[in-house]
PDB file of N, CA and C in Angstrom:
ATOM      1  N   UNK A   1      -8.065-119.922-114.049  1.00  0.00           N
ATOM      2  CA  UNK A   1      -7.437-120.768-113.402  1.00  0.00           C
ATOM      3  C   UNK A   1      -6.405-121.541-114.224  1.00  0.00           C
ATOM      4  N   UNK A   2      -4.754-121.446-113.340  1.00  0.00           N
ATOM      5  CA  UNK A   2      -4.059-122.208-114.378  1.00  0.00           C
ATOM      6  C   UNK A   2      -3.941-123.861-113.676  1.00  0.00           C
ATOM      7  N   UNK A   3      -3.681-124.897-114.618  1.00  0.00           N
ATOM      8  CA  UNK A   3      -3.413-126.068-114.129  1.00  0.00           C
ATOM      9  C   UNK A   3      -2.313-126.511-114.414  1.00  0.00           C
ATOM     10  N   UNK A   4      -2.034-127.533-113.836  1.00  0.00           N
ATOM     11  CA  UNK A   4      -0.603-128.412-114.125  1.00  0.00           C
ATOM     12  C   UNK A   4      -0.634-129.619-114.062  1.00  0.00           C
ATOM     13  N   UNK A   5      -0.630-130.101-115.288  1.00  0.00           N
ATOM     14  CA  UNK A   5      -0.785-131.940-115.249  1.00  0.00           C
ATOM     15  C   UNK A   5       0.458-132.479-115.716  1.00  0.00           C
ATOM     16  N   UNK A   6       1.144-133.124-114.958  1.00  0.00           N
ATOM     17  CA  UNK A   6       2.233-133.837-115.419  1.00  0.00           C
ATOM     18  C   UNK A   6       3.189-133.044-116.155  1.00  0.00           C
ATOM     19  N   UNK A   7       3.280-131.662-115.298  1.00  0.00           N
ATOM     20  CA  UNK A   7       4.425-130.469-116.047  1.00  0.00           C
ATOM     21  C   UNK A   7       3.905-129.875-117.160  1.00  0.00           C
ATOM     22  N   UNK A   8       2.806-129.995-117.698  1.00  0.00           N
ATOM     23  CA  UNK A   8       2.113-129.246-118.726  1.00  0.00           C
ATOM     24  C   UNK A   8       1.306-128.514-118.192  1.00  0.00           C
ATOM     25  N   UNK A   9       1.166-126.933-118.404  1.00  0.00           N
ATOM     26  CA  UNK A   9       0.460-125.749-117.994  1.00  0.00           C
ATOM     27  C   UNK A   9      -0.319-125.607-118.862  1.00  0.00           C
ATOM     28  N   UNK A  10      -1.655-125.590-118.035  1.00  0.00           N
ATOM     29  CA  UNK A  10      -2.818-125.556-119.084  1.00  0.00           C
ATOM     30  C   UNK A  10      -3.708-123.668-118.485  1.00  0.00           C
ATOM     31  N   UNK A  11      -4.271-123.014-118.603  1.00  0.00           N
ATOM     32  CA  UNK A  11      -4.134-121.741-118.617  1.00  0.00           C
ATOM     33  C   UNK A  11      -6.074-122.170-118.608  1.00  0.00           C
ATOM     34  N   UNK A  12      -7.136-122.124-117.984  1.00  0.00           N
ATOM     35  CA  UNK A  12      -8.336-122.403-118.089  1.00  0.00           C
ATOM     36  C   UNK A  12      -9.574-121.423-118.280  1.00  0.00           C
ATOM     37  N   UNK A  13     -10.375-121.326-118.921  1.00  0.00           N
ATOM     38  CA  UNK A  13     -11.218-120.192-119.139  1.00  0.00           C
ATOM     39  C   UNK A  13     -12.513-120.495-118.553  1.00  0.00           C
ATOM     40  N   UNK A  14     -13.485-119.468-117.920  1.00  0.00           N
ATOM     41  CA  UNK A  14     -15.171-120.059-117.608  1.00  0.00           C
ATOM     42  C   UNK A  14     -15.381-121.399-118.177  1.00  0.00           C
ATOM     43  N   UNK A  15     -16.169-121.918-117.936  1.00  0.00           N
ATOM     44  CA  UNK A  15     -16.872-123.024-118.664  1.00  0.00           C
ATOM     45  C   UNK A  15     -15.981-124.054-119.276  1.00  0.00           C
ATOM     46  N   UNK A  16     -14.756-123.926-119.180  1.00  0.00           N
ATOM     47  CA  UNK A  16     -14.101-125.057-120.120  1.00  0.00           C
ATOM     48  C   UNK A  16     -13.928-126.093-118.586  1.00  0.00           C
ATOM     49  N   UNK A  17     -13.915-127.484-119.673  1.00  0.00           N
ATOM     50  CA  UNK A  17     -13.608-128.695-119.074  1.00  0.00           C
ATOM     51  C   UNK A  17     -12.250-129.091-119.390  1.00  0.00           C
ATOM     52  N   UNK A  18     -11.603-130.319-118.110  1.00  0.00           N
ATOM     53  CA  UNK A  18     -10.469-130.589-118.005  1.00  0.00           C
ATOM     54  C   UNK A  18     -10.330-132.233-117.647  1.00  0.00           C
ATOM     55  N   UNK A  19      -9.680-132.848-118.162  1.00  0.00           N
ATOM     56  CA  UNK A  19      -9.761-134.075-117.628  1.00  0.00           C
ATOM     57  C   UNK A  19      -8.229-134.578-117.133  1.00  0.00           C
ATOM     58  N   UNK A  20      -8.238-134.900-115.812  1.00  0.00           N
ATOM     59  CA  UNK A  20      -7.298-134.960-115.243  1.00  0.00           C
ATOM     60  C   UNK A  20      -6.742-136.561-115.296  1.00  0.00           C
ATOM     61  N   UNK A  21      -6.026-137.481-115.807  1.00  0.00           N
ATOM     62  CA  UNK A  21      -6.159-138.641-115.844  1.00  0.00           C
ATOM     63  C   UNK A  21      -5.474-139.487-114.605  1.00  0.00           C
ATOM     64  N   UNK A  22      -5.875-140.691-113.934  1.00  0.00           N
ATOM     65  CA  UNK A  22      -5.698-141.321-112.793  1.00  0.00           C
ATOM     66  C   UNK A  22      -4.355-141.350-112.751  1.00  0.00           C
ATOM     67  N   UNK A  23      -3.631-140.766-111.454  1.00  0.00           N
ATOM     68  CA  UNK A  23      -2.486-141.011-110.711  1.00  0.00           C
ATOM     69  C   UNK A  23      -1.351-140.204-111.664  1.00  0.00           C
ATOM     70  N   UNK A  24      -1.702-138.786-112.600  1.00  0.00           N
ATOM     71  CA  UNK A  24      -1.482-137.879-113.275  1.00  0.00           C
ATOM     72  C   UNK A  24      -0.719-136.781-112.097  1.00  0.00           C
ATOM     73  N   UNK A  25      -0.004-136.322-111.614  1.00  0.00           N
ATOM     74  CA  UNK A  25       0.564-135.530-110.951  1.00  0.00           C
ATOM     75  C   UNK A  25      -0.316-133.982-111.376  1.00  0.00           C
ATOM     76  N   UNK A  26      -0.969-133.401-110.404  1.00  0.00           N
ATOM     77  CA  UNK A  26      -1.685-132.481-111.017  1.00  0.00           C
ATOM     78  C   UNK A  26      -1.434-131.241-109.908  1.00  0.00           C
ATOM     79  N   UNK A  27      -1.937-130.013-109.773  1.00  0.00           N
ATOM     80  CA  UNK A  27      -2.488-129.229-108.875  1.00  0.00           C
ATOM     81  C   UNK A  27      -3.061-127.625-110.005  1.00  0.00           C
ATOM     82  N   UNK A  28      -2.881-126.672-108.856  1.00  0.00           N
ATOM     83  CA  UNK A  28      -3.928-125.668-109.902  1.00  0.00           C
ATOM     84  C   UNK A  28      -3.422-124.290-108.826  1.00  0.00           C
ATOM     85  N   UNK A  29      -3.587-123.343-109.515  1.00  0.00           N
ATOM     86  CA  UNK A  29      -3.364-121.895-109.103  1.00  0.00           C
ATOM     87  C   UNK A  29      -4.284-120.858-109.678  1.00  0.00           C
ATOM     88  N   UNK A  30      -4.917-119.853-108.816  1.00  0.00           N
ATOM     89  CA  UNK A  30      -5.683-118.643-109.805  1.00  0.00           C
ATOM     90  C   UNK A  30      -4.557-117.365-109.092  1.00  0.00           C
ATOM     91  N   UNK A  31      -4.279-117.151-110.517  1.00  0.00           N
ATOM     92  CA  UNK A  31      -3.052-115.785-110.303  1.00  0.00           C
ATOM     93  C   UNK A  31      -3.904-114.215-110.783  1.00  0.00           C
ATOM     94  N   UNK A  32      -5.227-114.719-110.828  1.00  0.00           N
ATOM     95  CA  UNK A  32      -5.719-113.314-111.135  1.00  0.00           C
ATOM     96  C   UNK A  32      -6.368-112.634-110.092  1.00  0.00           C
ATOM     97  N   UNK A  33      -6.954-111.687-110.439  1.00  0.00           N
ATOM     98  CA  UNK A  33      -7.651-110.801-109.239  1.00  0.00           C
ATOM     99  C   UNK A  33      -8.801-111.448-108.593  1.00  0.00           C
ATOM    100  N   UNK A  34      -9.714-112.219-109.279  1.00  0.00           N
ATOM    101  CA  UNK A  34     -11.013-112.469-108.989  1.00  0.00           C
ATOM    102  C   UNK A  34     -10.996-114.031-108.457  1.00  0.00           C
ATOM    103  N   UNK A  35     -12.052-113.895-107.563  1.00  0.00           N
ATOM    104  CA  UNK A  35     -12.390-115.461-106.773  1.00  0.00           C
ATOM    105  C   UNK A  35     -12.357-116.386-108.335  1.00  0.00           C
ATOM    106  N   UNK A  36     -12.092-117.693-108.187  1.00  0.00           N
ATOM    107  CA  UNK A  36     -12.332-118.490-109.223  1.00  0.00           C
ATOM    108  C   UNK A  36     -12.962-119.875-108.372  1.00  0.00           C
ATOM    109  N   UNK A  37     -14.014-120.684-109.244  1.00  0.00           N
ATOM    110  CA  UNK A  37     -14.378-121.795-108.185  1.00  0.00           C
ATOM    111  C   UNK A  37     -14.447-122.668-109.555  1.00  0.00           C
ATOM    112  N   UNK A  38     -14.114-124.116-109.092  1.00  0.00           N
ATOM    113  CA  UNK A  38     -14.124-125.318-110.263  1.00  0.00           C
ATOM    114  C   UNK A  38     -14.991-126.586-109.535  1.00  0.00           C
ATOM    115  N   UNK A  39     -15.586-127.147-110.636  1.00  0.00           N
ATOM    116  CA  UNK A  39     -15.895-128.214-109.732  1.00  0.00           C
ATOM    117  C   UNK A  39     -15.667-129.731-110.053  1.00  0.00           C
ATOM    118  N   UNK A  40     -14.861-130.278-109.183  1.00  0.00           N
ATOM    119  CA  UNK A  40     -14.153-131.707-109.480  1.00  0.00           C
ATOM    120  C   UNK A  40     -15.163-132.530-109.142  1.00  0.00           C
ATOM    121  N   UNK A  41     -15.055-133.545-110.657  1.00  0.00           N
ATOM    122  CA  UNK A  41     -15.808-135.108-110.656  1.00  0.00           C
ATOM    123  C   UNK A  41     -15.060-136.414-110.241  1.00  0.00           C
ATOM    124  N   UNK A  42     -14.743-137.015-109.129  1.00  0.00           N
ATOM    125  CA  UNK A  42     -13.875-137.930-109.154  1.00  0.00           C
ATOM    126  C   UNK A  42     -14.656-139.154-109.547  1.00  0.00           C
ATOM    127  N   UNK A  43     -14.156-140.040-110.725  1.00  0.00           N
ATOM    128  CA  UNK A  43     -14.860-141.091-110.703  1.00  0.00           C
ATOM    129  C   UNK A  43     -14.213-142.401-110.818  1.00  0.00           C
ATOM    130  N   UNK A  44     -14.036-143.407-110.558  1.00  0.00           N
ATOM    131  CA  UNK A  44     -14.809-143.640-108.919  1.00  0.00           C
ATOM    132  C   UNK A  44     -14.855-142.750-108.262  1.00  0.00           C
ATOM    133  N   UNK A  45     -15.609-142.517-106.974  1.00  0.00           N
ATOM    134  CA  UNK A  45     -15.181-142.098-105.995  1.00  0.00           C
ATOM    135  C   UNK A  45     -14.414-142.242-105.104  1.00  0.00           C
ATOM    136  N   UNK A  46     -13.242-142.148-104.966  1.00  0.00           N
ATOM    137  CA  UNK A  46     -12.214-142.524-104.460  1.00  0.00           C
ATOM    138  C   UNK A  46     -12.058-141.911-102.600  1.00  0.00           C
ATOM    139  N   UNK A  47     -12.406-140.445-102.838  1.00  0.00           N
ATOM    140  CA  UNK A  47     -12.339-139.990-101.563  1.00  0.00           C
ATOM    141  C   UNK A  47     -13.792-139.520-101.681  1.00  0.00           C
ATOM    142  N   UNK A  48     -13.666-139.101-100.215  1.00  0.00           N
ATOM    143  CA  UNK A  48     -15.437-139.103 -99.834  1.00  0.00           C
ATOM    144  C   UNK A  48     -15.322-137.332 -99.508  1.00  0.00           C
ATOM    145  N   UNK A  49     -16.422-136.853 -98.804  1.00  0.00           N
ATOM    146  CA  UNK A  49     -16.533-135.613 -98.382  1.00  0.00           C
ATOM    147  C   UNK A  49     -15.917-135.471 -97.402  1.00  0.00           C
ATOM    148  N   UNK A  50     -15.474-136.191 -96.407  1.00  0.00           N
ATOM    149  CA  UNK A  50     -14.705-136.076 -95.336  1.00  0.00           C
ATOM    150  C   UNK A  50     -13.448-135.266 -95.686  1.00  0.00           C
ATOM    151  N   UNK A  51     -13.074-135.681 -96.981  1.00  0.00           N
ATOM    152  CA  UNK A  51     -11.462-135.119 -97.400  1.00  0.00           C
ATOM    153  C   UNK A  51     -11.833-133.500 -97.282  1.00  0.00           C
ATOM    154  N   UNK A  52     -12.973-133.228 -98.277  1.00  0.00           N
ATOM    155  CA  UNK A  52     -12.813-131.820 -98.340  1.00  0.00           C
ATOM    156  C   UNK A  52     -13.293-130.851 -97.107  1.00  0.00           C
ATOM    157  N   UNK A  53     -14.245-131.600 -96.068  1.00  0.00           N
ATOM    158  CA  UNK A  53     -14.325-131.470 -94.819  1.00  0.00           C
ATOM    159  C   UNK A  53     -12.840-131.045 -94.189  1.00  0.00           C
ATOM    160  N   UNK A  54     -12.145-131.888 -94.320  1.00  0.00           N
ATOM    161  CA  UNK A  54     -10.869-131.870 -93.389  1.00  0.00           C
ATOM    162  C   UNK A  54     -10.183-130.678 -93.755  1.00  0.00           C
ATOM    163  N   UNK A  55     -10.263-130.710 -95.420  1.00  0.00           N
ATOM    164  CA  UNK A  55      -9.251-129.733 -96.205  1.00  0.00           C
ATOM    165  C   UNK A  55      -9.949-128.578 -95.841  1.00  0.00           C
ATOM    166  N   UNK A  56     -11.197-128.318 -95.637  1.00  0.00           N
ATOM    167  CA  UNK A  56     -11.882-126.931 -95.803  1.00  0.00           C
ATOM    168  C   UNK A  56     -11.352-126.192 -94.546  1.00  0.00           C
ATOM    169  N   UNK A  57     -11.701-127.167 -93.369  1.00  0.00           N
ATOM    170  CA  UNK A  57     -11.152-126.401 -92.114  1.00  0.00           C
ATOM    171  C   UNK A  57      -9.399-125.652 -92.107  1.00  0.00           C
ATOM    172  N   UNK A  58      -8.753-126.533 -92.664  1.00  0.00           N
ATOM    173  CA  UNK A  58      -7.035-125.671 -93.086  1.00  0.00           C
ATOM    174  C   UNK A  58      -7.363-124.488 -94.075  1.00  0.00           C
ATOM    175  N   UNK A  59      -7.900-124.475 -95.021  1.00  0.00           N
ATOM    176  CA  UNK A  59      -7.887-123.258 -95.933  1.00  0.00           C
ATOM    177  C   UNK A  59      -8.582-122.402 -95.366  1.00  0.00           C
ATOM    178  N   UNK A  60      -9.684-122.695 -94.663  1.00  0.00           N
ATOM    179  CA  UNK A  60     -10.548-121.546 -93.984  1.00  0.00           C
ATOM    180  C   UNK A  60     -10.219-120.974 -92.751  1.00  0.00           C
ATOM    181  N   UNK A  61      -9.310-121.141 -92.411  1.00  0.00           N
ATOM    182  CA  UNK A  61      -8.630-120.935 -90.998  1.00  0.00           C
ATOM    183  C   UNK A  61      -8.223-119.696 -90.877  1.00  0.00           C
ATOM    184  N   UNK A  62      -8.116-118.725 -91.960  1.00  0.00           N
ATOM    185  CA  UNK A  62      -7.375-117.386 -92.185  1.00  0.00           C
ATOM    186  C   UNK A  62      -6.274-117.661 -92.309  1.00  0.00           C
ATOM    187  N   UNK A  63      -5.691-116.642 -92.903  1.00  0.00           N
ATOM    188  CA  UNK A  63      -4.170-116.231 -93.185  1.00  0.00           C
ATOM    189  C   UNK A  63      -3.998-117.763 -94.446  1.00  0.00           C
ATOM    190  N   UNK A  64      -2.484-117.781 -94.565  1.00  0.00           N
ATOM    191  CA  UNK A  64      -2.377-118.628 -95.645  1.00  0.00           C
ATOM    192  C   UNK A  64      -2.236-119.682 -95.331  1.00  0.00           C
ATOM    193  N   UNK A  65      -2.771-121.070 -95.949  1.00  0.00           N
ATOM    194  CA  UNK A  65      -2.761-122.358 -95.768  1.00  0.00           C
ATOM    195  C   UNK A  65      -1.767-122.966 -95.320  1.00  0.00           C
ATOM    196  N   UNK A  66      -2.025-123.574 -93.887  1.00  0.00           N
ATOM    197  CA  UNK A  66      -0.843-124.409 -93.233  1.00  0.00           C
ATOM    198  C   UNK A  66      -0.412-125.765 -94.102  1.00  0.00           C
ATOM    199  N   UNK A  67       0.647-125.477 -94.843  1.00  0.00           N
ATOM    200  CA  UNK A  67       1.245-126.715 -95.855  1.00  0.00           C
ATOM    201  C   UNK A  67       1.084-127.949 -95.321  1.00  0.00           C
ATOM    202  N   UNK A  68       2.337-127.968 -94.069  1.00  0.00           N
ATOM    203  CA  UNK A  68       2.043-129.293 -93.543  1.00  0.00           C
ATOM    204  C   UNK A  68       0.667-129.798 -93.029  1.00  0.00           C
ATOM    205  N   UNK A  69      -0.291-129.025 -92.386  1.00  0.00           N
ATOM    206  CA  UNK A  69      -1.622-129.768 -92.305  1.00  0.00           C
ATOM    207  C   UNK A  69      -2.227-130.611 -93.195  1.00  0.00           C
ATOM    208  N   UNK A  70      -1.911-129.342 -94.677  1.00  0.00           N
ATOM    209  CA  UNK A  70      -2.865-130.109 -95.906  1.00  0.00           C
ATOM    210  C   UNK A  70      -1.856-131.253 -96.170  1.00  0.00           C
ATOM    211  N   UNK A  71      -0.694-131.504 -95.938  1.00  0.00           N
ATOM    212  CA  UNK A  71       0.072-132.996 -96.366  1.00  0.00           C
ATOM    213  C   UNK A  71      -0.468-133.544 -95.399  1.00  0.00           C
ATOM    214  N   UNK A  72      -1.194-133.510 -94.247  1.00  0.00           N
ATOM    215  CA  UNK A  72      -1.563-134.683 -93.282  1.00  0.00           C
ATOM    216  C   UNK A  72      -2.582-134.884 -93.827  1.00  0.00           C
ATOM    217  N   UNK A  73      -3.747-134.160 -94.309  1.00  0.00           N
ATOM    218  CA  UNK A  73      -4.834-134.566 -95.000  1.00  0.00           C
ATOM    219  C   UNK A  73      -4.776-135.350 -96.228  1.00  0.00           C
ATOM    220  N   UNK A  74      -3.734-134.795 -97.142  1.00  0.00           N
ATOM    221  CA  UNK A  74      -3.519-135.892 -98.379  1.00  0.00           C
ATOM    222  C   UNK A  74      -3.039-137.366 -98.190  1.00  0.00           C
ATOM    223  N   UNK A  75      -2.410-137.297 -96.831  1.00  0.00           N
ATOM    224  CA  UNK A  75      -1.654-138.787 -96.682  1.00  0.00           C
ATOM    225  C   UNK A  75      -3.003-139.225 -96.145  1.00  0.00           C
ATOM    226  N   UNK A  76      -3.497-138.908 -95.367  1.00  0.00           N
ATOM    227  CA  UNK A  76      -4.600-139.187 -94.293  1.00  0.00           C
ATOM    228  C   UNK A  76      -5.499-140.563 -95.817  1.00  0.00           C
ATOM    229  N   UNK A  77      -5.617-139.476 -96.526  1.00  0.00           N
ATOM    230  CA  UNK A  77      -6.860-140.204 -97.549  1.00  0.00           C
ATOM    231  C   UNK A  77      -6.145-140.660 -99.095  1.00  0.00           C
ATOM    232  N   UNK A  78      -5.119-141.098 -98.746  1.00  0.00           N
ATOM    233  CA  UNK A  78      -4.220-141.844 -99.541  1.00  0.00           C
ATOM    234  C   UNK A  78      -3.369-141.275-100.955  1.00  0.00           C
ATOM    235  N   UNK A  79      -3.475-139.913-100.634  1.00  0.00           N
ATOM    236  CA  UNK A  79      -3.025-138.853-101.979  1.00  0.00           C
ATOM    237  C   UNK A  79      -1.643-138.420-101.402  1.00  0.00           C
ATOM    238  N   UNK A  80      -1.018-138.284-102.490  1.00  0.00           N
ATOM    239  CA  UNK A  80       0.531-138.135-102.391  1.00  0.00           C
ATOM    240  C   UNK A  80       1.003-136.637-102.533  1.00  0.00           C
ATOM    241  N   UNK A  81       1.130-135.777-101.547  1.00  0.00           N
ATOM    242  CA  UNK A  81       1.462-134.348-101.735  1.00  0.00           C
ATOM    243  C   UNK A  81       2.691-134.239-102.604  1.00  0.00           C
ATOM    244  N   UNK A  82       2.779-133.447-103.611  1.00  0.00           N
ATOM    245  CA  UNK A  82       3.728-132.604-103.837  1.00  0.00           C
ATOM    246  C   UNK A  82       3.850-131.200-103.960  1.00  0.00           C
ATOM    247  N   UNK A  83       4.892-130.964-103.258  1.00  0.00           N
ATOM    248  CA  UNK A  83       5.388-129.332-103.246  1.00  0.00           C
ATOM    249  C   UNK A  83       6.681-128.999-103.503  1.00  0.00           C
ATOM    250  N   UNK A  84       6.326-127.678-104.342  1.00  0.00           N
ATOM    251  CA  UNK A  84       8.105-127.755-104.760  1.00  0.00           C
ATOM    252  C   UNK A  84       8.267-126.333-104.383  1.00  0.00           C
TER     253      UNK A  84
END
């Protein structure tokens, strides 16, 4: 997976850890040909499981995710979506 944190691109490898400071603008992409998984630990827990349930509904609906619906979920939980 490739992460971008405050404009810096980081190509991660399997088993690698990565720290994203609170308030940092960040995102990630999987440019590879195989599925990728990541475990995110948010401390303190500012967003609960409801956020991930709401987001999963959108990304698992089939086809490309609806970015406008994702923005609504972000805002609902106090996150600021930044889309290029």
